[in-house]
Amino acid sequence: MNLLIVAILTFLINIPFGYWRANVRKKSFQWILAIHIPVPFVVLLRIYSNIGFELFTYPIVIASYFFAQFAGVKFFNYRKKLQLLTSSCLIMDLYRANKSN
């Protein structure tokens, strides 16, 4: 795997956690978990992909990590603005929305 694929997978892993983070009180235990649970997955992804921990890879992976967290929050706020059923779980919200249609 190359760096671009790792960045994309990091982005996809973190969107649901950003969505979760948007629905909990700031600096609560759940908020901290929403930020830190994906970290081991990203580390395992880096190890599995053999990109290693070279200095030039950090800005790209970290940027995709935080951009995905931001995108998850924005998606939660968008669904809330449309008054769609929102919970802390993106997967269940999308499943319920798809089931109701």
PDB file of N, CA and C in Angstrom:
ATOM      1  N   MET A   1       0.848  -1.190   0.000  1.00  0.00           N
ATOM      2  CA  MET A   1       0.000   0.000   0.000  1.00  0.00           C
ATOM      3  C   MET A   1       0.885   1.241   0.000  1.00  0.00           C
ATOM      4  N   ASN A   2       0.408   2.238  -0.664  1.00  0.00           N
ATOM      5  CA  ASN A   2       1.191   3.462  -0.655  1.00  0.00           C
ATOM      6  C   ASN A   2       0.557   4.484   0.291  1.00  0.00           C
ATOM      7  N   LEU A   3       1.191   5.605   0.398  1.00  0.00           N
ATOM      8  CA  LEU A   3       0.792   6.635   1.346  1.00  0.00           C
ATOM      9  C   LEU A   3      -0.603   7.181   1.055  1.00  0.00           C
ATOM     10  N   LEU A   4      -0.959   7.318  -0.203  1.00  0.00           N
ATOM     11  CA  LEU A   4      -2.279   7.835  -0.567  1.00  0.00           C
ATOM     12  C   LEU A   4      -3.394   6.904  -0.095  1.00  0.00           C
ATOM     13  N   ILE A   5      -3.208   5.619  -0.273  1.00  0.00           N
ATOM     14  CA  ILE A   5      -4.217   4.651   0.182  1.00  0.00           C
ATOM     15  C   ILE A   5      -4.340   4.675   1.699  1.00  0.00           C
ATOM     16  N   VAL A   6      -3.231   4.772   2.394  1.00  0.00           N
ATOM     17  CA  VAL A   6      -3.264   4.859   3.859  1.00  0.00           C
ATOM     18  C   VAL A   6      -3.993   6.118   4.305  1.00  0.00           C
ATOM     19  N   ALA A   7      -3.757   7.236   3.632  1.00  0.00           N
ATOM     20  CA  ALA A   7      -4.444   8.485   3.974  1.00  0.00           C
ATOM     21  C   ALA A   7      -5.946   8.359   3.733  1.00  0.00           C
ATOM     22  N   ILE A   8      -6.348   7.732   2.638  1.00  0.00           N
ATOM     23  CA  ILE A   8      -7.774   7.548   2.345  1.00  0.00           C
ATOM     24  C   ILE A   8      -8.421   6.628   3.371  1.00  0.00           C
ATOM     25  N   LEU A   9      -7.763   5.534   3.713  1.00  0.00           N
ATOM     26  CA  LEU A   9      -8.310   4.619   4.717  1.00  0.00           C
ATOM     27  C   LEU A   9      -8.378   5.271   6.092  1.00  0.00           C
ATOM     28  N   THR A  10      -7.390   6.078   6.421  1.00  0.00           N
ATOM     29  CA  THR A  10      -7.418   6.828   7.675  1.00  0.00           C
ATOM     30  C   THR A  10      -8.612   7.771   7.696  1.00  0.00           C
ATOM     31  N   PHE A  11      -8.859   8.423   6.577  1.00  0.00           N
ATOM     32  CA  PHE A  11     -10.007   9.318   6.459  1.00  0.00           C
ATOM     33  C   PHE A  11     -11.304   8.545   6.683  1.00  0.00           C
ATOM     34  N   LEU A  12     -11.457   7.401   6.025  1.00  0.00           N
ATOM     35  CA  LEU A  12     -12.685   6.622   6.131  1.00  0.00           C
ATOM     36  C   LEU A  12     -12.897   6.044   7.526  1.00  0.00           C
ATOM     37  N   ILE A  13     -11.825   5.665   8.184  1.00  0.00           N
ATOM     38  CA  ILE A  13     -11.934   5.142   9.549  1.00  0.00           C
ATOM     39  C   ILE A  13     -12.425   6.227  10.506  1.00  0.00           C
ATOM     40  N   ASN A  14     -12.003   7.451  10.304  1.00  0.00           N
ATOM     41  CA  ASN A  14     -12.265   8.516  11.270  1.00  0.00           C
ATOM     42  C   ASN A  14     -13.583   9.254  11.099  1.00  0.00           C
ATOM     43  N   ILE A  15     -14.231   9.162   9.963  1.00  0.00           N
ATOM     44  CA  ILE A  15     -15.502   9.866   9.776  1.00  0.00           C
ATOM     45  C   ILE A  15     -16.541   9.457  10.832  1.00  0.00           C
ATOM     46  N   PRO A  16     -16.779   8.162  11.073  1.00  0.00           N
ATOM     47  CA  PRO A  16     -17.773   7.806  12.097  1.00  0.00           C
ATOM     48  C   PRO A  16     -17.405   8.299  13.500  1.00  0.00           C
ATOM     49  N   PHE A  17     -16.116   8.375  13.790  1.00  0.00           N
ATOM     50  CA  PHE A  17     -15.700   8.850  15.111  1.00  0.00           C
ATOM     51  C   PHE A  17     -15.902  10.357  15.251  1.00  0.00           C
ATOM     52  N   GLY A  18     -15.724  11.098  14.177  1.00  0.00           N
ATOM     53  CA  GLY A  18     -16.037  12.523  14.200  1.00  0.00           C
ATOM     54  C   GLY A  18     -17.528  12.747  14.360  1.00  0.00           C
ATOM     55  N   TYR A  19     -18.326  11.897  13.715  1.00  0.00           N
ATOM     56  CA  TYR A  19     -19.780  11.953  13.832  1.00  0.00           C
ATOM     57  C   TYR A  19     -20.194  11.702  15.279  1.00  0.00           C
ATOM     58  N   TRP A  20     -19.579  10.711  15.897  1.00  0.00           N
ATOM     59  CA  TRP A  20     -19.857  10.391  17.302  1.00  0.00           C
ATOM     60  C   TRP A  20     -19.464  11.570  18.194  1.00  0.00           C
ATOM     61  N   ARG A  21     -18.303  12.127  17.926  1.00  0.00           N
ATOM     62  CA  ARG A  21     -17.775  13.231  18.742  1.00  0.00           C
ATOM     63  C   ARG A  21     -18.692  14.449  18.713  1.00  0.00           C
ATOM     64  N   ALA A  22     -19.393  14.643  17.603  1.00  0.00           N
ATOM     65  CA  ALA A  22     -20.271  15.811  17.474  1.00  0.00           C
ATOM     66  C   ALA A  22     -21.489  15.727  18.385  1.00  0.00           C
ATOM     67  N   ASN A  23     -21.844  14.524  18.814  1.00  0.00           N
ATOM     68  CA  ASN A  23     -23.072  14.341  19.584  1.00  0.00           C
ATOM     69  C   ASN A  23     -22.827  14.161  21.080  1.00  0.00           C
ATOM     70  N   VAL A  24     -21.631  14.372  21.526  1.00  0.00           N
ATOM     71  CA  VAL A  24     -21.332  14.227  22.952  1.00  0.00           C
ATOM     72  C   VAL A  24     -20.764  15.541  23.488  1.00  0.00           C
ATOM     73  N   ARG A  25     -20.833  15.670  24.797  1.00  0.00           N
ATOM     74  CA  ARG A  25     -20.344  16.889  25.440  1.00  0.00           C
ATOM     75  C   ARG A  25     -18.827  16.989  25.287  1.00  0.00           C
ATOM     76  N   LYS A  26     -18.370  18.194  24.980  1.00  0.00           N
ATOM     77  CA  LYS A  26     -16.944  18.419  24.767  1.00  0.00           C
ATOM     78  C   LYS A  26     -16.148  18.098  26.025  1.00  0.00           C
ATOM     79  N   LYS A  27     -15.026  17.426  25.812  1.00  0.00           N
ATOM     80  CA  LYS A  27     -14.087  17.019  26.853  1.00  0.00           C
ATOM     81  C   LYS A  27     -14.672  16.023  27.843  1.00  0.00           C
ATOM     82  N   SER A  28     -15.728  15.317  27.435  1.00  0.00           N
ATOM     83  CA  SER A  28     -16.269  14.230  28.247  1.00  0.00           C
ATOM     84  C   SER A  28     -15.482  12.956  27.928  1.00  0.00           C
ATOM     85  N   PHE A  29     -15.774  11.902  28.650  1.00  0.00           N
ATOM     86  CA  PHE A  29     -15.083  10.629  28.426  1.00  0.00           C
ATOM     87  C   PHE A  29     -15.357  10.114  27.015  1.00  0.00           C
ATOM     88  N   GLN A  30     -16.617  10.197  26.558  1.00  0.00           N
ATOM     89  CA  GLN A  30     -16.952   9.739  25.208  1.00  0.00           C
ATOM     90  C   GLN A  30     -16.260  10.585  24.144  1.00  0.00           C
ATOM     91  N   TRP A  31     -16.133  11.866  24.378  1.00  0.00           N
ATOM     92  CA  TRP A  31     -15.464  12.759  23.438  1.00  0.00           C
ATOM     93  C   TRP A  31     -13.995  12.351  23.295  1.00  0.00           C
ATOM     94  N   ILE A  32     -13.364  12.054  24.427  1.00  0.00           N
ATOM     95  CA  ILE A  32     -11.959  11.621  24.412  1.00  0.00           C
ATOM     96  C   ILE A  32     -11.822  10.277  23.693  1.00  0.00           C
ATOM     97  N   LEU A  33     -12.778   9.367  23.952  1.00  0.00           N
ATOM     98  CA  LEU A  33     -12.743   8.080  23.260  1.00  0.00           C
ATOM     99  C   LEU A  33     -12.912   8.242  21.752  1.00  0.00           C
ATOM    100  N   ALA A  34     -13.805   9.125  21.347  1.00  0.00           N
ATOM    101  CA  ALA A  34     -14.045   9.335  19.913  1.00  0.00           C
ATOM    102  C   ALA A  34     -12.793   9.838  19.202  1.00  0.00           C
ATOM    103  N   ILE A  35     -11.960  10.531  19.904  1.00  0.00           N
ATOM    104  CA  ILE A  35     -10.723  11.028  19.305  1.00  0.00           C
ATOM    105  C   ILE A  35      -9.625   9.962  19.329  1.00  0.00           C
ATOM    106  N   HIS A  36      -9.551   9.183  20.408  1.00  0.00           N
ATOM    107  CA  HIS A  36      -8.401   8.299  20.590  1.00  0.00           C
ATOM    108  C   HIS A  36      -8.602   6.848  20.169  1.00  0.00           C
ATOM    109  N   ILE A  37      -9.818   6.363  20.048  1.00  0.00           N
ATOM    110  CA  ILE A  37     -10.019   4.969  19.635  1.00  0.00           C
ATOM    111  C   ILE A  37      -9.455   4.684  18.245  1.00  0.00           C
ATOM    112  N   PRO A  38      -9.591   5.584  17.272  1.00  0.00           N
ATOM    113  CA  PRO A  38      -9.056   5.261  15.943  1.00  0.00           C
ATOM    114  C   PRO A  38      -7.526   5.230  15.850  1.00  0.00           C
ATOM    115  N   VAL A  39      -6.838   5.766  16.826  1.00  0.00           N
ATOM    116  CA  VAL A  39      -5.371   5.850  16.748  1.00  0.00           C
ATOM    117  C   VAL A  39      -4.719   4.478  16.583  1.00  0.00           C
ATOM    118  N   PRO A  40      -5.078   3.448  17.372  1.00  0.00           N
ATOM    119  CA  PRO A  40      -4.444   2.140  17.154  1.00  0.00           C
ATOM    120  C   PRO A  40      -4.717   1.560  15.761  1.00  0.00           C
ATOM    121  N   PHE A  41      -5.893   1.836  15.210  1.00  0.00           N
ATOM    122  CA  PHE A  41      -6.198   1.358  13.865  1.00  0.00           C
ATOM    123  C   PHE A  41      -5.297   2.028  12.829  1.00  0.00           C
ATOM    124  N   VAL A  42      -5.050   3.295  13.014  1.00  0.00           N
ATOM    125  CA  VAL A  42      -4.176   4.019  12.090  1.00  0.00           C
ATOM    126  C   VAL A  42      -2.739   3.509  12.233  1.00  0.00           C
ATOM    127  N   VAL A  43      -2.305   3.257  13.450  1.00  0.00           N
ATOM    128  CA  VAL A  43      -0.950   2.719  13.664  1.00  0.00           C
ATOM    129  C   VAL A  43      -0.819   1.345  13.012  1.00  0.00           C
ATOM    130  N   LEU A  44      -1.834   0.489  13.207  1.00  0.00           N
ATOM    131  CA  LEU A  44      -1.802  -0.836  12.572  1.00  0.00           C
ATOM    132  C   LEU A  44      -1.822  -0.715  11.053  1.00  0.00           C
ATOM    133  N   LEU A  45      -2.564   0.234  10.550  1.00  0.00           N
ATOM    134  CA  LEU A  45      -2.605   0.467   9.115  1.00  0.00           C
ATOM    135  C   LEU A  45      -1.234   0.889   8.591  1.00  0.00           C
ATOM    136  N   ARG A  46      -0.558   1.734   9.340  1.00  0.00           N
ATOM    137  CA  ARG A  46       0.794   2.161   8.949  1.00  0.00           C
ATOM    138  C   ARG A  46       1.758   0.974   8.946  1.00  0.00           C
ATOM    139  N   ILE A  47       1.645   0.123   9.953  1.00  0.00           N
ATOM    140  CA  ILE A  47       2.533  -1.039  10.034  1.00  0.00           C
ATOM    141  C   ILE A  47       2.230  -2.026   8.914  1.00  0.00           C
ATOM    142  N   TYR A  48       0.949  -2.330   8.709  1.00  0.00           N
ATOM    143  CA  TYR A  48       0.542  -3.294   7.691  1.00  0.00           C
ATOM    144  C   TYR A  48       0.909  -2.825   6.282  1.00  0.00           C
ATOM    145  N   SER A  49       0.828  -1.524   6.051  1.00  0.00           N
ATOM    146  CA  SER A  49       1.079  -0.997   4.714  1.00  0.00           C
ATOM    147  C   SER A  49       2.559  -0.847   4.400  1.00  0.00           C
ATOM    148  N   ASN A  50       3.395  -1.021   5.387  1.00  0.00           N
ATOM    149  CA  ASN A  50       4.850  -0.887   5.224  1.00  0.00           C
ATOM    150  C   ASN A  50       5.298   0.521   4.858  1.00  0.00           C
ATOM    151  N   ILE A  51       4.477   1.531   5.155  1.00  0.00           N
ATOM    152  CA  ILE A  51       4.965   2.894   4.920  1.00  0.00           C
ATOM    153  C   ILE A  51       5.847   3.334   6.070  1.00  0.00           C
ATOM    154  N   GLY A  52       5.741   2.604   7.174  1.00  0.00           N
ATOM    155  CA  GLY A  52       6.599   2.899   8.305  1.00  0.00           C
ATOM    156  C   GLY A  52       6.234   4.196   8.998  1.00  0.00           C
ATOM    157  N   PHE A  53       7.198   4.715   9.686  1.00  0.00           N
ATOM    158  CA  PHE A  53       6.990   5.923  10.468  1.00  0.00           C
ATOM    159  C   PHE A  53       7.978   7.008  10.054  1.00  0.00           C
ATOM    160  N   GLU A  54       8.169   7.107   8.755  1.00  0.00           N
ATOM    161  CA  GLU A  54       9.043   8.144   8.218  1.00  0.00           C
ATOM    162  C   GLU A  54       8.443   9.516   8.492  1.00  0.00           C
ATOM    163  N   LEU A  55       9.286  10.482   8.697  1.00  0.00           N
ATOM    164  CA  LEU A  55       8.855  11.831   9.063  1.00  0.00           C
ATOM    165  C   LEU A  55       7.932  12.463   8.014  1.00  0.00           C
ATOM    166  N   PHE A  56       8.179  12.234   6.742  1.00  0.00           N
ATOM    167  CA  PHE A  56       7.371  12.869   5.701  1.00  0.00           C
ATOM    168  C   PHE A  56       5.945  12.314   5.632  1.00  0.00           C
ATOM    169  N   THR A  57       5.681  11.145   6.239  1.00  0.00           N
ATOM    170  CA  THR A  57       4.334  10.565   6.191  1.00  0.00           C
ATOM    171  C   THR A  57       3.402  11.162   7.245  1.00  0.00           C
ATOM    172  N   TYR A  58       3.957  11.703   8.307  1.00  0.00           N
ATOM    173  CA  TYR A  58       3.130  12.212   9.404  1.00  0.00           C
ATOM    174  C   TYR A  58       2.180  13.332   9.000  1.00  0.00           C
ATOM    175  N   PRO A  59       2.627  14.370   8.309  1.00  0.00           N
ATOM    176  CA  PRO A  59       1.682  15.446   7.976  1.00  0.00           C
ATOM    177  C   PRO A  59       0.495  14.970   7.140  1.00  0.00           C
ATOM    178  N   ILE A  60       0.723  14.044   6.230  1.00  0.00           N
ATOM    179  CA  ILE A  60      -0.350  13.561   5.363  1.00  0.00           C
ATOM    180  C   ILE A  60      -1.357  12.735   6.148  1.00  0.00           C
ATOM    181  N   VAL A  61      -0.883  11.803   6.954  1.00  0.00           N
ATOM    182  CA  VAL A  61      -1.777  10.946   7.722  1.00  0.00           C
ATOM    183  C   VAL A  61      -2.499  11.748   8.809  1.00  0.00           C
ATOM    184  N   ILE A  62      -1.793  12.627   9.476  1.00  0.00           N
ATOM    185  CA  ILE A  62      -2.423  13.443  10.518  1.00  0.00           C
ATOM    186  C   ILE A  62      -3.463  14.382   9.913  1.00  0.00           C
ATOM    187  N   ALA A  63      -3.168  14.952   8.754  1.00  0.00           N
ATOM    188  CA  ALA A  63      -4.141  15.824   8.096  1.00  0.00           C
ATOM    189  C   ALA A  63      -5.399  15.055   7.710  1.00  0.00           C
ATOM    190  N   SER A  64      -5.239  13.851   7.190  1.00  0.00           N
ATOM    191  CA  SER A  64      -6.423  13.067   6.833  1.00  0.00           C
ATOM    192  C   SER A  64      -7.198  12.647   8.081  1.00  0.00           C
ATOM    193  N   TYR A  65      -6.492  12.406   9.176  1.00  0.00           N
ATOM    194  CA  TYR A  65      -7.136  12.054  10.454  1.00  0.00           C
ATOM    195  C   TYR A  65      -8.025  13.206  10.933  1.00  0.00           C
ATOM    196  N   PHE A  66      -7.469  14.397  11.012  1.00  0.00           N
ATOM    197  CA  PHE A  66      -8.236  15.528  11.532  1.00  0.00           C
ATOM    198  C   PHE A  66      -9.288  16.031  10.541  1.00  0.00           C
ATOM    199  N   PHE A  67      -8.998  15.959   9.251  1.00  0.00           N
ATOM    200  CA  PHE A  67      -9.991  16.360   8.273  1.00  0.00           C
ATOM    201  C   PHE A  67     -11.202  15.439   8.319  1.00  0.00           C
ATOM    202  N   ALA A  68     -10.984  14.148   8.549  1.00  0.00           N
ATOM    203  CA  ALA A  68     -12.099  13.201   8.660  1.00  0.00           C
ATOM    204  C   ALA A  68     -12.907  13.456   9.928  1.00  0.00           C
ATOM    205  N   GLN A  69     -12.238  13.764  11.023  1.00  0.00           N
ATOM    206  CA  GLN A  69     -12.956  14.114  12.247  1.00  0.00           C
ATOM    207  C   GLN A  69     -13.827  15.343  11.983  1.00  0.00           C
ATOM    208  N   PHE A  70     -13.278  16.327  11.319  1.00  0.00           N
ATOM    209  CA  PHE A  70     -14.010  17.547  10.981  1.00  0.00           C
ATOM    210  C   PHE A  70     -15.181  17.229  10.048  1.00  0.00           C
ATOM    211  N   ALA A  71     -14.962  16.372   9.059  1.00  0.00           N
ATOM    212  CA  ALA A  71     -16.018  16.001   8.116  1.00  0.00           C
ATOM    213  C   ALA A  71     -17.138  15.249   8.824  1.00  0.00           C
ATOM    214  N   GLY A  72     -16.805  14.395   9.785  1.00  0.00           N
ATOM    215  CA  GLY A  72     -17.823  13.691  10.558  1.00  0.00           C
ATOM    216  C   GLY A  72     -18.693  14.642  11.354  1.00  0.00           C
ATOM    217  N   VAL A  73     -18.075  15.649  11.957  1.00  0.00           N
ATOM    218  CA  VAL A  73     -18.827  16.665  12.706  1.00  0.00           C
ATOM    219  C   VAL A  73     -19.734  17.444  11.764  1.00  0.00           C
ATOM    220  N   LYS A  74     -19.209  17.831  10.617  1.00  0.00           N
ATOM    221  CA  LYS A  74     -20.004  18.589   9.650  1.00  0.00           C
ATOM    222  C   LYS A  74     -21.183  17.752   9.132  1.00  0.00           C
ATOM    223  N   PHE A  75     -20.963  16.465   8.892  1.00  0.00           N
ATOM    224  CA  PHE A  75     -22.040  15.602   8.425  1.00  0.00           C
ATOM    225  C   PHE A  75     -23.120  15.454   9.493  1.00  0.00           C
ATOM    226  N   PHE A  76     -22.709  15.332  10.755  1.00  0.00           N
ATOM    227  CA  PHE A  76     -23.678  15.263  11.848  1.00  0.00           C
ATOM    228  C   PHE A  76     -24.503  16.551  11.902  1.00  0.00           C
ATOM    229  N   ASN A  77     -23.846  17.691  11.826  1.00  0.00           N
ATOM    230  CA  ASN A  77     -24.554  18.972  11.875  1.00  0.00           C
ATOM    231  C   ASN A  77     -25.474  19.155  10.676  1.00  0.00           C
ATOM    232  N   TYR A  78     -25.082  18.663   9.520  1.00  0.00           N
ATOM    233  CA  TYR A  78     -25.918  18.730   8.325  1.00  0.00           C
ATOM    234  C   TYR A  78     -27.188  17.902   8.516  1.00  0.00           C
ATOM    235  N   ARG A  79     -27.035  16.686   9.022  1.00  0.00           N
ATOM    236  CA  ARG A  79     -28.210  15.828   9.259  1.00  0.00           C
ATOM    237  C   ARG A  79     -29.104  16.425  10.335  1.00  0.00           C
ATOM    238  N   LYS A  80     -28.506  17.026  11.338  1.00  0.00           N
ATOM    239  CA  LYS A  80     -29.286  17.648  12.400  1.00  0.00           C
ATOM    240  C   LYS A  80     -30.050  18.857  11.877  1.00  0.00           C
ATOM    241  N   LYS A  81     -29.412  19.633  11.007  1.00  0.00           N
ATOM    242  CA  LYS A  81     -30.045  20.803  10.419  1.00  0.00           C
ATOM    243  C   LYS A  81     -31.251  20.400   9.568  1.00  0.00           C
ATOM    244  N   LEU A  82     -31.161  19.269   8.886  1.00  0.00           N
ATOM    245  CA  LEU A  82     -32.270  18.764   8.077  1.00  0.00           C
ATOM    246  C   LEU A  82     -33.332  18.071   8.928  1.00  0.00           C
ATOM    247  N   GLN A  83     -33.103  18.032  10.220  1.00  0.00           N
ATOM    248  CA  GLN A  83     -33.998  17.410  11.196  1.00  0.00           C
ATOM    249  C   GLN A  83     -34.198  15.922  10.911  1.00  0.00           C
ATOM    250  N   LEU A  84     -33.135  15.274  10.492  1.00  0.00           N
ATOM    251  CA  LEU A  84     -33.153  13.831  10.328  1.00  0.00           C
ATOM    252  C   LEU A  84     -32.825  13.196  11.665  1.00  0.00           C
ATOM    253  N   LEU A  85     -33.248  11.970  11.841  1.00  0.00           N
ATOM    254  CA  LEU A  85     -32.973  11.260  13.089  1.00  0.00           C
ATOM    255  C   LEU A  85     -31.466  11.114  13.257  1.00  0.00           C
ATOM    256  N   THR A  86     -30.949  11.670  14.342  1.00  0.00           N
ATOM    257  CA  THR A  86     -29.513  11.578  14.587  1.00  0.00           C
ATOM    258  C   THR A  86     -29.249  10.964  15.947  1.00  0.00           C
ATOM    259  N   SER A  87     -28.284  10.080  15.968  1.00  0.00           N
ATOM    260  CA  SER A  87     -27.781   9.503  17.214  1.00  0.00           C
ATOM    261  C   SER A  87     -26.275   9.697  17.193  1.00  0.00           C
ATOM    262  N   SER A  88     -25.583   8.985  18.030  1.00  0.00           N
ATOM    263  CA  SER A  88     -24.127   9.093  18.037  1.00  0.00           C
ATOM    264  C   SER A  88     -23.468   8.137  17.058  1.00  0.00           C
ATOM    265  N   CYS A  89     -24.255   7.281  16.420  1.00  0.00           N
ATOM    266  CA  CYS A  89     -23.694   6.258  15.540  1.00  0.00           C
ATOM    267  C   CYS A  89     -24.067   6.531  14.086  1.00  0.00           C
ATOM    268  N   LEU A  90     -23.084   6.873  13.288  1.00  0.00           N
ATOM    269  CA  LEU A  90     -23.294   7.165  11.880  1.00  0.00           C
ATOM    270  C   LEU A  90     -23.853   5.953  11.143  1.00  0.00           C
ATOM    271  N   ILE A  91     -23.335   4.780  11.426  1.00  0.00           N
ATOM    272  CA  ILE A  91     -23.754   3.568  10.724  1.00  0.00           C
ATOM    273  C   ILE A  91     -25.241   3.306  10.961  1.00  0.00           C
ATOM    274  N   MET A  92     -25.676   3.406  12.207  1.00  0.00           N
ATOM    275  CA  MET A  92     -27.092   3.166  12.511  1.00  0.00           C
ATOM    276  C   MET A  92     -27.978   4.255  11.923  1.00  0.00           C
ATOM    277  N   ASP A  93     -27.532   5.483  11.931  1.00  0.00           N
ATOM    278  CA  ASP A  93     -28.332   6.571  11.343  1.00  0.00           C
ATOM    279  C   ASP A  93     -28.515   6.355   9.850  1.00  0.00           C
ATOM    280  N   LEU A  94     -27.469   5.950   9.164  1.00  0.00           N
ATOM    281  CA  LEU A  94     -27.580   5.692   7.723  1.00  0.00           C
ATOM    282  C   LEU A  94     -28.433   4.457   7.453  1.00  0.00           C
ATOM    283  N   TYR A  95     -28.321   3.454   8.292  1.00  0.00           N
ATOM    284  CA  TYR A  95     -29.137   2.258   8.152  1.00  0.00           C
ATOM    285  C   TYR A  95     -30.619   2.582   8.341  1.00  0.00           C
ATOM    286  N   ARG A  96     -30.941   3.340   9.374  1.00  0.00           N
ATOM    287  CA  ARG A  96     -32.333   3.710   9.621  1.00  0.00           C
ATOM    288  C   ARG A  96     -32.889   4.585   8.506  1.00  0.00           C
ATOM    289  N   ALA A  97     -32.077   5.488   8.011  1.00  0.00           N
ATOM    290  CA  ALA A  97     -32.518   6.357   6.919  1.00  0.00           C
ATOM    291  C   ALA A  97     -32.780   5.548   5.656  1.00  0.00           C
ATOM    292  N   ASN A  98     -31.935   4.566   5.399  1.00  0.00           N
ATOM    293  CA  ASN A  98     -32.094   3.717   4.226  1.00  0.00           C
ATOM    294  C   ASN A  98     -33.278   2.779   4.394  1.00  0.00           C
ATOM    295  N   LYS A  99     -33.512   2.311   5.597  1.00  0.00           N
ATOM    296  CA  LYS A  99     -34.610   1.395   5.885  1.00  0.00           C
ATOM    297  C   LYS A  99     -35.961   2.095   5.764  1.00  0.00           C
ATOM    298  N   SER A 100     -36.029   3.352   6.155  1.00  0.00           N
ATOM    299  CA  SER A 100     -37.293   4.091   6.130  1.00  0.00           C
ATOM    300  C   SER A 100     -37.693   4.492   4.713  1.00  0.00           C
ATOM    301  N   ASN A 101     -36.741   4.519   3.776  1.00  0.00           N
ATOM    302  CA  ASN A 101     -37.066   4.896   2.378  1.00  0.00           C
ATOM    303  C   ASN A 101     -37.568   3.762   1.608  1.00  0.00           C
TER     304      ASN A 101
END
